[in-house]
Amino acid sequence: MPKKESFFINRLKSIGFAIKGALLLLKTEASVKVQFVIAILITLAGFYYNISNTEWILQFLAIGLVLAIEGVNTAIENLADFIQPKHNQKIGFVKDITAGAVLFAAICAIIVGLLIYIPKF
């Protein structure tokens, strides 16, 4: 019987897979590239405007939410395309719902950004 790998080794491997997935998202998805650039610009704005710790927390939660939901959306779309390469109304419904989830996250992130930065102007 082969020796079971340690919990620590398995966690390191999991982190490696997660990093690989994040890099794949950045390399292959135009919307993630745009959102990542916006995240960098907003982060720089946070330094420029010296936002509070609470504002940093809210800003990073908003950025993380949008990028995470975009990743889930991409995964679901790719899985749906693999399962049903031809146009299918039910698959289209699922893809539209996941795109809607990204839209909700993006709208919330925009609102958070406005609440943080409008008073700074």
Protein backbone atom coordinates (compact mmCIF):
# COMPACT_ATOMS: atom_id res chain seq x y z
CA MET A 1 0.00 0.00 0.00
CA PRO A 2 1.48 3.39 -1.02
CA LYS A 3 2.24 5.87 1.74
CA LYS A 4 -0.47 8.51 2.14
CA GLU A 5 0.74 12.07 1.66
CA SER A 6 0.58 14.38 4.64
CA PHE A 7 -2.12 16.93 5.20
CA PHE A 8 0.46 19.70 4.71
CA ILE A 9 1.63 18.31 1.34
CA ASN A 10 -1.97 17.98 0.15
CA ARG A 11 -2.69 21.61 1.13
CA LEU A 12 0.38 22.79 -0.77
CA LYS A 13 -0.79 20.88 -3.83
CA SER A 14 -4.26 22.42 -3.48
CA ILE A 15 -2.76 25.90 -3.31
CA GLY A 16 -0.74 25.11 -6.44
CA PHE A 17 -3.90 24.07 -8.31
CA ALA A 18 -5.66 27.25 -7.14
CA ILE A 19 -2.79 29.44 -8.34
CA LYS A 20 -2.81 27.60 -11.68
CA GLY A 21 -6.56 28.26 -11.98
CA ALA A 22 -6.20 31.95 -11.14
CA LEU A 23 -3.44 32.34 -13.73
CA LEU A 24 -5.55 30.50 -16.32
CA LEU A 25 -8.39 32.93 -15.65
CA LEU A 26 -6.06 35.90 -16.10
CA LYS A 27 -4.53 34.48 -19.28
CA THR A 28 -7.70 33.28 -21.00
CA GLU A 29 -10.60 35.48 -19.94
CA ALA A 30 -10.83 39.01 -21.32
CA SER A 31 -13.38 40.08 -18.71
CA VAL A 32 -11.11 38.89 -15.88
CA LYS A 33 -8.20 40.81 -17.40
CA VAL A 34 -10.30 43.99 -17.45
CA GLN A 35 -11.56 43.42 -13.91
CA PHE A 36 -8.03 42.72 -12.68
CA VAL A 37 -6.74 45.98 -14.20
CA ILE A 38 -9.64 47.84 -12.59
CA ALA A 39 -8.79 46.16 -9.27
CA ILE A 40 -5.19 47.36 -9.55
CA LEU A 41 -6.30 50.91 -10.39
CA ILE A 42 -8.78 51.00 -7.51
CA THR A 43 -6.12 49.65 -5.16
CA LEU A 44 -3.77 52.42 -6.26
CA ALA A 45 -6.59 54.92 -5.70
CA GLY A 46 -6.93 53.54 -2.18
CA PHE A 47 -3.30 54.42 -1.48
CA TYR A 48 -3.64 57.83 -3.12
CA TYR A 49 -6.76 58.75 -1.13
CA ASN A 50 -5.49 57.09 2.06
CA ILE A 51 -8.71 55.16 2.63
CA SER A 52 -9.51 53.77 6.08
CA ASN A 53 -9.01 50.18 7.19
CA THR A 54 -12.74 49.58 6.92
CA GLU A 55 -12.77 50.99 3.39
CA TRP A 56 -9.83 48.71 2.47
CA ILE A 57 -11.73 45.71 3.81
CA LEU A 58 -14.87 46.60 1.85
CA GLN A 59 -12.87 47.35 -1.27
CA PHE A 60 -11.00 44.03 -1.19
CA LEU A 61 -14.18 42.10 -0.42
CA ALA A 62 -15.85 43.73 -3.42
CA ILE A 63 -12.88 43.01 -5.71
CA GLY A 64 -12.62 39.43 -4.45
CA LEU A 65 -16.35 38.86 -4.88
CA VAL A 66 -16.35 40.01 -8.51
CA LEU A 67 -13.25 38.01 -9.45
CA ALA A 68 -14.48 34.89 -7.63
CA ILE A 69 -17.95 34.99 -9.19
CA GLU A 70 -16.37 35.60 -12.60
CA GLY A 71 -14.24 32.49 -12.06
CA VAL A 72 -17.29 30.41 -11.13
CA ASN A 73 -19.12 31.82 -14.16
CA THR A 74 -16.24 30.86 -16.45
CA ALA A 75 -16.05 27.36 -14.99
CA ILE A 76 -19.80 26.80 -15.42
CA GLU A 77 -19.74 28.15 -18.99
CA ASN A 78 -16.83 25.88 -19.92
CA LEU A 79 -18.47 22.86 -18.32
CA ALA A 80 -21.75 23.63 -20.09
CA ASP A 81 -19.98 23.97 -23.44
CA PHE A 82 -18.21 20.64 -22.83
CA ILE A 83 -21.46 18.88 -21.97
CA GLN A 84 -23.45 20.46 -24.80
CA PRO A 85 -21.27 22.05 -27.54
CA LYS A 86 -24.30 22.96 -29.67
CA HIS A 87 -26.71 25.71 -28.69
CA ASN A 88 -29.21 24.44 -26.14
CA GLN A 89 -31.93 26.53 -24.53
CA LYS A 90 -31.49 25.00 -21.05
CA ILE A 91 -27.70 25.42 -21.16
CA GLY A 92 -28.21 29.00 -22.36
CA PHE A 93 -30.50 29.60 -19.37
CA VAL A 94 -27.81 28.36 -16.96
CA LYS A 95 -25.14 30.49 -18.64
CA ASP A 96 -27.38 33.57 -18.51
CA ILE A 97 -27.99 33.06 -14.79
CA THR A 98 -24.28 32.81 -14.01
CA ALA A 99 -23.64 35.94 -16.08
CA GLY A 100 -26.39 37.63 -14.08
CA ALA A 101 -24.62 36.66 -10.86
CA VAL A 102 -21.47 38.39 -12.14
CA LEU A 103 -23.55 41.45 -12.95
CA PHE A 104 -24.99 41.56 -9.41
CA ALA A 105 -21.49 41.30 -7.93
CA ALA A 106 -20.16 44.00 -10.27
CA ILE A 107 -23.02 46.38 -9.44
CA CYS A 108 -22.40 45.88 -5.71
CA ALA A 109 -18.66 46.48 -6.23
CA ILE A 110 -19.38 49.68 -8.14
CA ILE A 111 -21.66 50.87 -5.34
CA VAL A 112 -18.97 50.12 -2.75
CA GLY A 113 -16.44 52.03 -4.86
CA LEU A 114 -18.75 55.00 -5.18
CA LEU A 115 -19.47 55.05 -1.46
CA ILE A 116 -15.76 55.02 -0.72
CA TYR A 117 -14.52 57.47 -3.34
CA ILE A 118 -17.28 60.05 -3.96
CA PRO A 119 -16.69 61.66 -0.53
CA LYS A 120 -12.96 61.90 -1.37
CA PHE A 121 -13.68 64.23 -4.28
